[in-house]
């Protein structure tokens, strides 16, 4: 499962990244983007096929929980969504299109997610991360607090991280 070589893009000026609420009709597009993004880590086709069900962005989730997309010149290049967690709000998704990785889209989405979660009154932003993405979240300031079992592979543990949003932790 080694990482694939990927083309790095030059940093995109943040003023060109527009973050807006996701629309229900974008669920399929966002699902496809998430799978293309996950494939960057070198996972094989069989694993990615098993991921599809867990990574399918549901219309109902977009309609009932905050979900946002990042666009550059009208093209969707990333997104995130929230899910309920016991001790905060969970980052259900945060994916960047492979062609935009390394350009600041993930950082912009993270900053937006932190601001929205804090504005909603949550104390913590909880992240269950792909092991390959843990470094990104740690660079953003999230701290490891354990692991959660994968729903896809028995025995596989996923890093669990917490980012305090200003309340008691």
N, C-alpha and C. Protein backbone atom coordinates (compact mmCIF):
# COMPACT_ATOMS: atom_id res chain seq x y z
N UNK A 1 0.81 -1.20 0.00
CA UNK A 1 0.00 0.00 0.00
C UNK A 1 0.85 1.25 0.00
N UNK A 2 2.00 1.24 -0.54
CA UNK A 2 2.84 2.42 -0.56
C UNK A 2 2.19 3.54 -1.34
N UNK A 3 2.53 4.78 -0.98
CA UNK A 3 1.96 5.94 -1.65
C UNK A 3 2.42 6.04 -3.09
N UNK A 4 1.54 6.49 -3.94
CA UNK A 4 1.88 6.70 -5.32
C UNK A 4 2.61 8.03 -5.46
N UNK A 5 3.40 8.14 -6.51
CA UNK A 5 3.99 9.42 -6.81
C UNK A 5 2.86 10.32 -7.28
N UNK A 6 2.80 11.52 -6.75
CA UNK A 6 1.74 12.42 -7.19
C UNK A 6 2.34 13.77 -7.54
N UNK A 7 1.71 14.38 -8.48
CA UNK A 7 2.15 15.68 -8.94
C UNK A 7 1.74 16.73 -7.92
N UNK A 8 2.67 17.52 -7.50
CA UNK A 8 2.37 18.61 -6.56
C UNK A 8 1.98 19.84 -7.36
N UNK A 9 0.99 20.55 -6.87
CA UNK A 9 0.60 21.78 -7.54
C UNK A 9 1.16 22.95 -6.75
N UNK A 10 1.35 24.03 -7.44
CA UNK A 10 1.80 25.23 -6.75
C UNK A 10 0.70 25.67 -5.80
N UNK A 11 1.09 26.31 -4.73
CA UNK A 11 0.11 26.79 -3.77
C UNK A 11 -0.89 27.71 -4.47
N UNK A 12 -2.15 27.49 -4.20
CA UNK A 12 -3.21 28.26 -4.82
C UNK A 12 -3.54 29.42 -3.89
N UNK A 13 -3.53 30.64 -4.40
CA UNK A 13 -3.89 31.76 -3.52
C UNK A 13 -5.26 31.52 -2.90
N UNK A 14 -5.36 31.70 -1.59
CA UNK A 14 -6.61 31.40 -0.89
C UNK A 14 -7.79 32.17 -1.45
N UNK A 15 -7.54 33.34 -2.00
CA UNK A 15 -8.65 34.12 -2.54
C UNK A 15 -9.30 33.44 -3.74
N UNK A 16 -8.61 32.48 -4.38
CA UNK A 16 -9.17 31.74 -5.50
C UNK A 16 -9.97 30.53 -5.03
N UNK A 17 -9.80 30.13 -3.78
CA UNK A 17 -10.54 29.00 -3.23
C UNK A 17 -11.83 29.55 -2.62
N UNK A 18 -12.94 29.10 -3.17
CA UNK A 18 -14.25 29.51 -2.66
C UNK A 18 -14.85 28.32 -1.93
N UNK A 19 -15.24 28.54 -0.68
CA UNK A 19 -15.88 27.47 0.09
C UNK A 19 -17.35 27.83 0.27
N UNK A 20 -18.20 26.91 -0.12
CA UNK A 20 -19.65 27.14 -0.07
C UNK A 20 -20.34 25.87 0.42
N UNK A 21 -21.61 26.00 0.86
CA UNK A 21 -22.35 24.80 1.27
C UNK A 21 -22.49 23.80 0.12
N UNK A 22 -22.37 22.53 0.45
CA UNK A 22 -22.58 21.48 -0.55
C UNK A 22 -24.06 21.42 -0.89
N UNK A 23 -24.34 20.96 -2.11
CA UNK A 23 -25.72 20.78 -2.57
C UNK A 23 -26.02 19.29 -2.66
N UNK A 24 -27.26 18.92 -2.36
CA UNK A 24 -27.66 17.52 -2.35
C UNK A 24 -27.32 16.81 -3.65
N UNK A 25 -27.50 17.50 -4.77
CA UNK A 25 -27.25 16.86 -6.07
C UNK A 25 -25.76 16.61 -6.33
N UNK A 26 -24.89 17.07 -5.44
CA UNK A 26 -23.45 16.84 -5.59
C UNK A 26 -22.97 15.58 -4.88
N UNK A 27 -23.86 14.85 -4.24
CA UNK A 27 -23.46 13.68 -3.45
C UNK A 27 -22.62 12.70 -4.27
N UNK A 28 -23.03 12.37 -5.46
CA UNK A 28 -22.28 11.43 -6.31
C UNK A 28 -20.93 11.98 -6.70
N UNK A 29 -20.88 13.23 -7.07
CA UNK A 29 -19.61 13.88 -7.42
C UNK A 29 -18.64 13.85 -6.24
N UNK A 30 -19.15 14.12 -5.04
CA UNK A 30 -18.30 14.14 -3.85
C UNK A 30 -17.83 12.74 -3.49
N UNK A 31 -18.69 11.75 -3.67
CA UNK A 31 -18.28 10.36 -3.44
C UNK A 31 -17.12 10.00 -4.37
N UNK A 32 -17.27 10.32 -5.64
CA UNK A 32 -16.21 10.03 -6.61
C UNK A 32 -14.91 10.76 -6.26
N UNK A 33 -15.02 12.02 -5.85
CA UNK A 33 -13.84 12.79 -5.47
C UNK A 33 -13.15 12.13 -4.27
N UNK A 34 -13.94 11.67 -3.29
CA UNK A 34 -13.33 11.06 -2.11
C UNK A 34 -12.56 9.79 -2.48
N UNK A 35 -13.10 9.00 -3.38
CA UNK A 35 -12.43 7.76 -3.78
C UNK A 35 -11.18 8.05 -4.61
N UNK A 36 -11.24 9.07 -5.48
CA UNK A 36 -10.03 9.45 -6.24
C UNK A 36 -8.96 9.95 -5.29
N UNK A 37 -9.37 10.69 -4.27
CA UNK A 37 -8.41 11.21 -3.29
C UNK A 37 -7.79 10.08 -2.48
N UNK A 38 -8.60 9.14 -2.05
CA UNK A 38 -8.09 8.01 -1.26
C UNK A 38 -7.12 7.16 -2.08
N UNK A 39 -7.37 7.04 -3.37
CA UNK A 39 -6.52 6.24 -4.25
C UNK A 39 -5.09 6.79 -4.32
N UNK A 40 -4.92 8.06 -4.01
CA UNK A 40 -3.58 8.67 -4.04
C UNK A 40 -2.62 7.92 -3.12
N UNK A 41 -3.15 7.30 -2.06
CA UNK A 41 -2.29 6.62 -1.09
C UNK A 41 -1.83 5.25 -1.58
N UNK A 42 -2.21 4.86 -2.78
CA UNK A 42 -1.72 3.61 -3.34
C UNK A 42 -2.53 2.38 -2.97
N UNK A 43 -3.73 2.56 -2.45
CA UNK A 43 -4.57 1.42 -2.12
C UNK A 43 -4.95 0.68 -3.40
N UNK A 44 -5.09 -0.64 -3.29
CA UNK A 44 -5.46 -1.42 -4.47
C UNK A 44 -6.96 -1.30 -4.76
N UNK A 45 -7.35 -1.74 -5.95
CA UNK A 45 -8.73 -1.61 -6.42
C UNK A 45 -9.71 -2.34 -5.51
N UNK A 46 -9.32 -3.48 -4.99
CA UNK A 46 -10.22 -4.26 -4.12
C UNK A 46 -10.52 -3.48 -2.83
N UNK A 47 -9.50 -2.89 -2.24
CA UNK A 47 -9.70 -2.10 -1.02
C UNK A 47 -10.59 -0.89 -1.33
N UNK A 48 -10.31 -0.20 -2.42
CA UNK A 48 -11.11 0.98 -2.77
C UNK A 48 -12.56 0.59 -3.05
N UNK A 49 -12.78 -0.57 -3.64
CA UNK A 49 -14.16 -1.04 -3.87
C UNK A 49 -14.88 -1.25 -2.54
N UNK A 50 -14.16 -1.80 -1.54
CA UNK A 50 -14.77 -1.99 -0.21
C UNK A 50 -15.03 -0.64 0.46
N UNK A 51 -14.21 0.35 0.15
CA UNK A 51 -14.37 1.69 0.73
C UNK A 51 -15.61 2.41 0.21
N UNK A 52 -16.04 2.07 -0.99
CA UNK A 52 -17.12 2.83 -1.63
C UNK A 52 -18.35 2.97 -0.73
N UNK A 53 -18.82 1.90 -0.13
CA UNK A 53 -20.03 1.98 0.70
C UNK A 53 -19.81 2.91 1.89
N UNK A 54 -18.67 2.78 2.55
CA UNK A 54 -18.39 3.61 3.73
C UNK A 54 -18.15 5.07 3.35
N UNK A 55 -17.67 5.30 2.14
CA UNK A 55 -17.32 6.66 1.73
C UNK A 55 -18.38 7.32 0.85
N UNK A 56 -19.49 6.65 0.65
CA UNK A 56 -20.56 7.24 -0.14
C UNK A 56 -21.16 8.42 0.62
N UNK A 57 -21.15 9.57 -0.01
CA UNK A 57 -21.72 10.78 0.59
C UNK A 57 -23.23 10.70 0.37
N UNK A 58 -23.96 10.72 1.46
CA UNK A 58 -25.41 10.54 1.39
C UNK A 58 -26.12 11.89 1.29
N UNK A 59 -27.12 11.93 0.42
CA UNK A 59 -27.91 13.14 0.24
C UNK A 59 -28.46 13.62 1.59
N UNK A 60 -29.00 12.68 2.38
CA UNK A 60 -29.58 13.06 3.67
C UNK A 60 -28.55 13.72 4.58
N UNK A 61 -27.30 13.25 4.55
CA UNK A 61 -26.26 13.87 5.38
C UNK A 61 -26.02 15.31 4.93
N UNK A 62 -25.98 15.54 3.62
CA UNK A 62 -25.78 16.90 3.13
C UNK A 62 -26.94 17.80 3.56
N UNK A 63 -28.15 17.25 3.56
CA UNK A 63 -29.32 18.05 3.90
C UNK A 63 -29.47 18.30 5.40
N UNK A 64 -28.89 17.43 6.23
CA UNK A 64 -29.14 17.54 7.68
C UNK A 64 -27.92 17.94 8.51
N UNK A 65 -26.72 17.85 7.94
CA UNK A 65 -25.51 18.21 8.68
C UNK A 65 -24.65 19.11 7.80
N UNK A 66 -23.87 19.99 8.41
CA UNK A 66 -23.04 20.89 7.59
C UNK A 66 -22.06 20.11 6.70
N UNK A 67 -22.09 20.40 5.43
CA UNK A 67 -21.16 19.88 4.43
C UNK A 67 -20.79 21.06 3.53
N UNK A 68 -19.52 21.19 3.23
CA UNK A 68 -19.03 22.31 2.42
C UNK A 68 -18.11 21.80 1.33
N UNK A 69 -18.11 22.50 0.20
CA UNK A 69 -17.19 22.18 -0.89
C UNK A 69 -16.26 23.36 -1.13
N UNK A 70 -15.08 23.03 -1.62
CA UNK A 70 -14.11 24.05 -2.07
C UNK A 70 -14.13 24.02 -3.59
N UNK A 71 -14.19 25.21 -4.17
CA UNK A 71 -14.15 25.36 -5.62
C UNK A 71 -13.00 26.28 -6.01
N UNK A 72 -12.46 26.01 -7.17
CA UNK A 72 -11.52 26.93 -7.81
C UNK A 72 -12.05 27.13 -9.22
N UNK A 73 -12.36 28.37 -9.52
CA UNK A 73 -12.90 28.72 -10.84
C UNK A 73 -14.09 27.84 -11.21
N UNK A 74 -14.97 27.59 -10.24
CA UNK A 74 -16.19 26.84 -10.48
C UNK A 74 -16.05 25.33 -10.43
N UNK A 75 -14.83 24.80 -10.33
CA UNK A 75 -14.62 23.35 -10.27
C UNK A 75 -14.49 22.92 -8.81
N UNK A 76 -15.22 21.86 -8.43
CA UNK A 76 -15.13 21.34 -7.06
C UNK A 76 -13.79 20.62 -6.91
N UNK A 77 -12.99 21.06 -5.93
CA UNK A 77 -11.65 20.49 -5.72
C UNK A 77 -11.48 19.89 -4.33
N UNK A 78 -12.52 19.92 -3.52
CA UNK A 78 -12.44 19.33 -2.19
C UNK A 78 -13.74 19.54 -1.44
N UNK A 79 -13.85 18.85 -0.30
CA UNK A 79 -15.06 19.01 0.51
C UNK A 79 -14.81 18.45 1.91
N UNK A 80 -15.70 18.83 2.81
CA UNK A 80 -15.73 18.21 4.14
C UNK A 80 -17.18 18.17 4.61
N UNK A 81 -17.41 17.32 5.60
CA UNK A 81 -18.72 17.23 6.23
C UNK A 81 -18.54 16.84 7.68
N UNK A 82 -19.57 17.08 8.46
CA UNK A 82 -19.55 16.75 9.88
C UNK A 82 -20.46 15.58 10.18
N UNK A 83 -20.18 14.92 11.32
CA UNK A 83 -21.04 13.88 11.86
C UNK A 83 -21.04 14.03 13.38
N UNK A 84 -22.09 13.56 14.05
CA UNK A 84 -22.12 13.68 15.51
C UNK A 84 -21.04 12.81 16.17
N UNK A 85 -20.50 13.30 17.25
CA UNK A 85 -19.56 12.57 18.11
C UNK A 85 -19.95 12.83 19.55
N UNK A 86 -19.61 11.92 20.43
CA UNK A 86 -19.99 12.05 21.83
C UNK A 86 -19.39 13.30 22.48
N UNK A 87 -18.11 13.56 22.24
CA UNK A 87 -17.44 14.67 22.94
C UNK A 87 -17.04 15.80 22.01
N UNK A 88 -17.85 16.04 21.00
CA UNK A 88 -17.58 17.13 20.06
C UNK A 88 -18.31 16.86 18.76
N UNK A 89 -17.78 17.39 17.70
CA UNK A 89 -18.33 17.13 16.38
C UNK A 89 -17.26 16.42 15.56
N UNK A 90 -17.67 15.46 14.77
CA UNK A 90 -16.71 14.67 14.00
C UNK A 90 -16.56 15.18 12.59
N UNK A 91 -15.35 15.11 12.09
CA UNK A 91 -15.08 15.42 10.69
C UNK A 91 -15.36 14.13 9.93
N UNK A 92 -16.52 14.09 9.28
CA UNK A 92 -16.95 12.88 8.59
C UNK A 92 -16.13 12.68 7.32
N UNK A 93 -15.83 13.75 6.64
CA UNK A 93 -15.03 13.73 5.42
C UNK A 93 -14.14 14.96 5.39
N UNK A 94 -12.99 14.84 4.80
CA UNK A 94 -12.20 15.98 4.33
C UNK A 94 -11.32 15.40 3.24
N UNK A 95 -11.68 15.70 2.00
CA UNK A 95 -10.96 15.17 0.86
C UNK A 95 -10.64 16.28 -0.12
N UNK A 96 -9.49 16.14 -0.77
CA UNK A 96 -9.04 17.08 -1.79
C UNK A 96 -8.80 16.29 -3.07
N UNK A 97 -9.25 16.83 -4.19
CA UNK A 97 -9.02 16.19 -5.48
C UNK A 97 -7.52 16.01 -5.70
N UNK A 98 -7.10 14.86 -6.23
CA UNK A 98 -5.66 14.62 -6.41
C UNK A 98 -4.93 15.74 -7.13
N UNK A 99 -5.56 16.33 -8.14
CA UNK A 99 -4.89 17.39 -8.90
C UNK A 99 -4.72 18.68 -8.10
N UNK A 100 -5.38 18.80 -6.94
CA UNK A 100 -5.27 20.00 -6.12
C UNK A 100 -4.50 19.77 -4.82
N UNK A 101 -4.08 18.53 -4.56
CA UNK A 101 -3.34 18.24 -3.33
C UNK A 101 -2.03 19.03 -3.33
N UNK A 102 -1.74 19.62 -2.20
CA UNK A 102 -0.51 20.39 -2.05
C UNK A 102 -0.67 21.86 -2.40
N UNK A 103 -1.88 22.25 -2.78
CA UNK A 103 -2.11 23.64 -3.19
C UNK A 103 -2.79 24.51 -2.16
N UNK A 104 -3.03 24.00 -0.96
CA UNK A 104 -3.65 24.81 0.09
C UNK A 104 -5.14 24.57 0.26
N UNK A 105 -5.73 23.71 -0.56
CA UNK A 105 -7.16 23.44 -0.46
C UNK A 105 -7.49 22.75 0.86
N UNK A 106 -6.72 21.74 1.23
CA UNK A 106 -6.96 21.03 2.49
C UNK A 106 -6.84 21.95 3.68
N UNK A 107 -5.83 22.80 3.67
CA UNK A 107 -5.63 23.77 4.76
C UNK A 107 -6.82 24.73 4.84
N UNK A 108 -7.31 25.19 3.69
CA UNK A 108 -8.45 26.11 3.67
C UNK A 108 -9.71 25.41 4.18
N UNK A 109 -9.93 24.17 3.76
CA UNK A 109 -11.09 23.41 4.24
C UNK A 109 -11.00 23.17 5.74
N UNK A 110 -9.80 22.82 6.23
CA UNK A 110 -9.62 22.60 7.67
C UNK A 110 -9.95 23.87 8.45
N UNK A 111 -9.40 25.00 8.03
CA UNK A 111 -9.65 26.27 8.74
C UNK A 111 -11.15 26.58 8.75
N UNK A 112 -11.82 26.34 7.64
CA UNK A 112 -13.25 26.59 7.55
C UNK A 112 -14.01 25.64 8.50
N UNK A 113 -13.63 24.37 8.51
CA UNK A 113 -14.29 23.39 9.38
C UNK A 113 -14.12 23.76 10.85
N UNK A 114 -12.93 24.18 11.23
CA UNK A 114 -12.68 24.59 12.61
C UNK A 114 -13.57 25.78 12.97
N UNK A 115 -13.64 26.76 12.09
CA UNK A 115 -14.46 27.95 12.36
C UNK A 115 -15.94 27.59 12.47
N UNK A 116 -16.44 26.74 11.58
CA UNK A 116 -17.85 26.35 11.61
C UNK A 116 -18.15 25.54 12.87
N UNK A 117 -17.29 24.58 13.21
CA UNK A 117 -17.51 23.75 14.40
C UNK A 117 -17.52 24.61 15.66
N UNK A 118 -16.59 25.57 15.74
CA UNK A 118 -16.55 26.46 16.90
C UNK A 118 -17.81 27.33 16.95
N UNK A 119 -18.24 27.85 15.80
CA UNK A 119 -19.43 28.70 15.76
C UNK A 119 -20.68 27.92 16.15
N UNK A 120 -20.69 26.62 15.90
CA UNK A 120 -21.81 25.77 16.30
C UNK A 120 -21.78 25.44 17.79
N UNK A 121 -20.71 25.86 18.48
CA UNK A 121 -20.62 25.68 19.93
C UNK A 121 -19.98 24.40 20.40
N UNK A 122 -19.31 23.68 19.52
CA UNK A 122 -18.67 22.44 19.93
C UNK A 122 -17.34 22.71 20.62
N UNK A 123 -16.97 21.81 21.53
CA UNK A 123 -15.71 21.96 22.27
C UNK A 123 -14.54 21.32 21.55
N UNK A 124 -14.80 20.28 20.77
CA UNK A 124 -13.73 19.54 20.09
C UNK A 124 -14.14 19.18 18.69
N UNK A 125 -13.16 19.14 17.81
CA UNK A 125 -13.33 18.58 16.47
C UNK A 125 -12.62 17.23 16.51
N UNK A 126 -13.36 16.16 16.23
CA UNK A 126 -12.84 14.80 16.31
C UNK A 126 -12.58 14.29 14.90
N UNK A 127 -11.41 13.68 14.70
CA UNK A 127 -11.04 13.16 13.39
C UNK A 127 -10.65 11.69 13.52
N UNK A 128 -11.32 10.84 12.75
CA UNK A 128 -10.89 9.45 12.58
C UNK A 128 -10.23 9.46 11.20
N UNK A 129 -8.92 9.32 11.19
CA UNK A 129 -8.12 9.57 9.99
C UNK A 129 -7.67 8.30 9.29
N UNK A 130 -7.53 8.41 7.98
CA UNK A 130 -6.76 7.40 7.26
C UNK A 130 -5.34 7.49 7.82
N UNK A 131 -4.66 6.38 8.03
CA UNK A 131 -3.30 6.46 8.58
C UNK A 131 -2.37 7.35 7.76
N UNK A 132 -2.57 7.40 6.46
CA UNK A 132 -1.72 8.22 5.61
C UNK A 132 -1.98 9.71 5.75
N UNK A 133 -3.15 10.09 6.21
CA UNK A 133 -3.52 11.49 6.35
C UNK A 133 -3.28 12.03 7.76
N UNK A 134 -2.90 11.18 8.69
CA UNK A 134 -2.71 11.61 10.07
C UNK A 134 -1.73 12.78 10.17
N UNK A 135 -0.66 12.75 9.41
CA UNK A 135 0.33 13.83 9.45
C UNK A 135 -0.27 15.18 9.12
N UNK A 136 -1.16 15.22 8.15
CA UNK A 136 -1.84 16.48 7.80
C UNK A 136 -2.58 17.03 9.01
N UNK A 137 -3.39 16.19 9.64
CA UNK A 137 -4.18 16.66 10.79
C UNK A 137 -3.29 17.08 11.95
N UNK A 138 -2.20 16.37 12.15
CA UNK A 138 -1.27 16.77 13.22
C UNK A 138 -0.63 18.11 12.90
N UNK A 139 -0.30 18.35 11.61
CA UNK A 139 0.25 19.66 11.23
C UNK A 139 -0.77 20.77 11.44
N UNK A 140 -2.05 20.43 11.35
CA UNK A 140 -3.12 21.41 11.56
C UNK A 140 -3.36 21.67 13.05
N UNK A 141 -2.72 20.88 13.92
CA UNK A 141 -2.85 21.09 15.36
C UNK A 141 -3.66 20.04 16.09
N UNK A 142 -4.23 19.08 15.38
CA UNK A 142 -4.97 18.01 16.04
C UNK A 142 -3.98 17.08 16.74
N UNK A 143 -4.39 16.55 17.87
CA UNK A 143 -3.50 15.69 18.66
C UNK A 143 -4.07 14.27 18.75
N UNK A 144 -3.19 13.27 18.67
CA UNK A 144 -3.66 11.88 18.77
C UNK A 144 -4.23 11.59 20.15
N UNK A 145 -5.35 10.86 20.16
CA UNK A 145 -5.98 10.48 21.43
C UNK A 145 -6.33 9.00 21.45
N UNK A 146 -5.86 8.25 20.46
CA UNK A 146 -6.15 6.83 20.43
C UNK A 146 -6.35 6.33 19.01
N UNK A 147 -7.18 5.30 18.89
CA UNK A 147 -7.46 4.70 17.58
C UNK A 147 -8.87 4.12 17.61
N UNK A 148 -9.43 3.97 16.43
CA UNK A 148 -10.74 3.31 16.28
C UNK A 148 -10.58 2.17 15.28
N UNK A 149 -11.29 1.08 15.51
CA UNK A 149 -11.23 -0.02 14.54
C UNK A 149 -11.87 0.38 13.22
N UNK A 150 -11.29 -0.06 12.14
CA UNK A 150 -11.83 0.16 10.81
C UNK A 150 -13.09 -0.68 10.62
N UNK A 151 -14.08 -0.13 9.94
CA UNK A 151 -15.28 -0.88 9.60
C UNK A 151 -15.02 -1.82 8.42
N UNK A 152 -13.91 -1.61 7.72
CA UNK A 152 -13.64 -2.34 6.48
C UNK A 152 -12.74 -3.55 6.64
N UNK A 153 -11.79 -3.46 7.56
CA UNK A 153 -10.81 -4.54 7.70
C UNK A 153 -10.61 -4.88 9.17
N UNK A 154 -10.97 -6.10 9.56
CA UNK A 154 -10.74 -6.51 10.94
C UNK A 154 -9.26 -6.35 11.30
N UNK A 155 -9.01 -5.81 12.47
CA UNK A 155 -7.64 -5.64 12.94
C UNK A 155 -6.98 -4.35 12.50
N UNK A 156 -7.57 -3.64 11.55
CA UNK A 156 -6.99 -2.37 11.10
C UNK A 156 -7.48 -1.26 12.02
N UNK A 157 -6.54 -0.49 12.57
CA UNK A 157 -6.89 0.62 13.45
C UNK A 157 -6.65 1.94 12.73
N UNK A 158 -7.56 2.87 12.94
CA UNK A 158 -7.46 4.19 12.34
C UNK A 158 -7.12 5.21 13.42
N UNK A 159 -6.18 6.11 13.14
CA UNK A 159 -5.82 7.13 14.12
C UNK A 159 -7.03 7.99 14.51
N UNK A 160 -7.15 8.24 15.80
CA UNK A 160 -8.19 9.10 16.34
C UNK A 160 -7.51 10.35 16.88
N UNK A 161 -7.95 11.52 16.41
CA UNK A 161 -7.33 12.78 16.80
C UNK A 161 -8.40 13.74 17.31
N UNK A 162 -7.96 14.69 18.13
CA UNK A 162 -8.87 15.69 18.68
C UNK A 162 -8.23 17.07 18.50
N UNK A 163 -9.08 18.02 18.12
CA UNK A 163 -8.66 19.41 18.01
C UNK A 163 -9.56 20.24 18.91
N UNK A 164 -9.02 20.81 20.00
CA UNK A 164 -9.87 21.61 20.89
C UNK A 164 -10.30 22.92 20.23
N UNK A 165 -11.54 23.26 20.42
CA UNK A 165 -12.10 24.45 19.79
C UNK A 165 -12.28 25.62 20.75
N UNK A 166 -11.69 25.54 21.91
CA UNK A 166 -11.74 26.67 22.82
C UNK A 166 -12.48 26.42 24.11
N UNK A 167 -13.28 25.36 24.16
CA UNK A 167 -13.98 25.02 25.40
C UNK A 167 -13.12 24.10 26.23
N UNK A 168 -13.68 23.57 27.30
CA UNK A 168 -12.96 22.61 28.13
C UNK A 168 -12.76 21.34 27.33
N UNK A 169 -11.59 20.70 27.48
CA UNK A 169 -11.33 19.45 26.74
C UNK A 169 -11.16 18.29 27.67
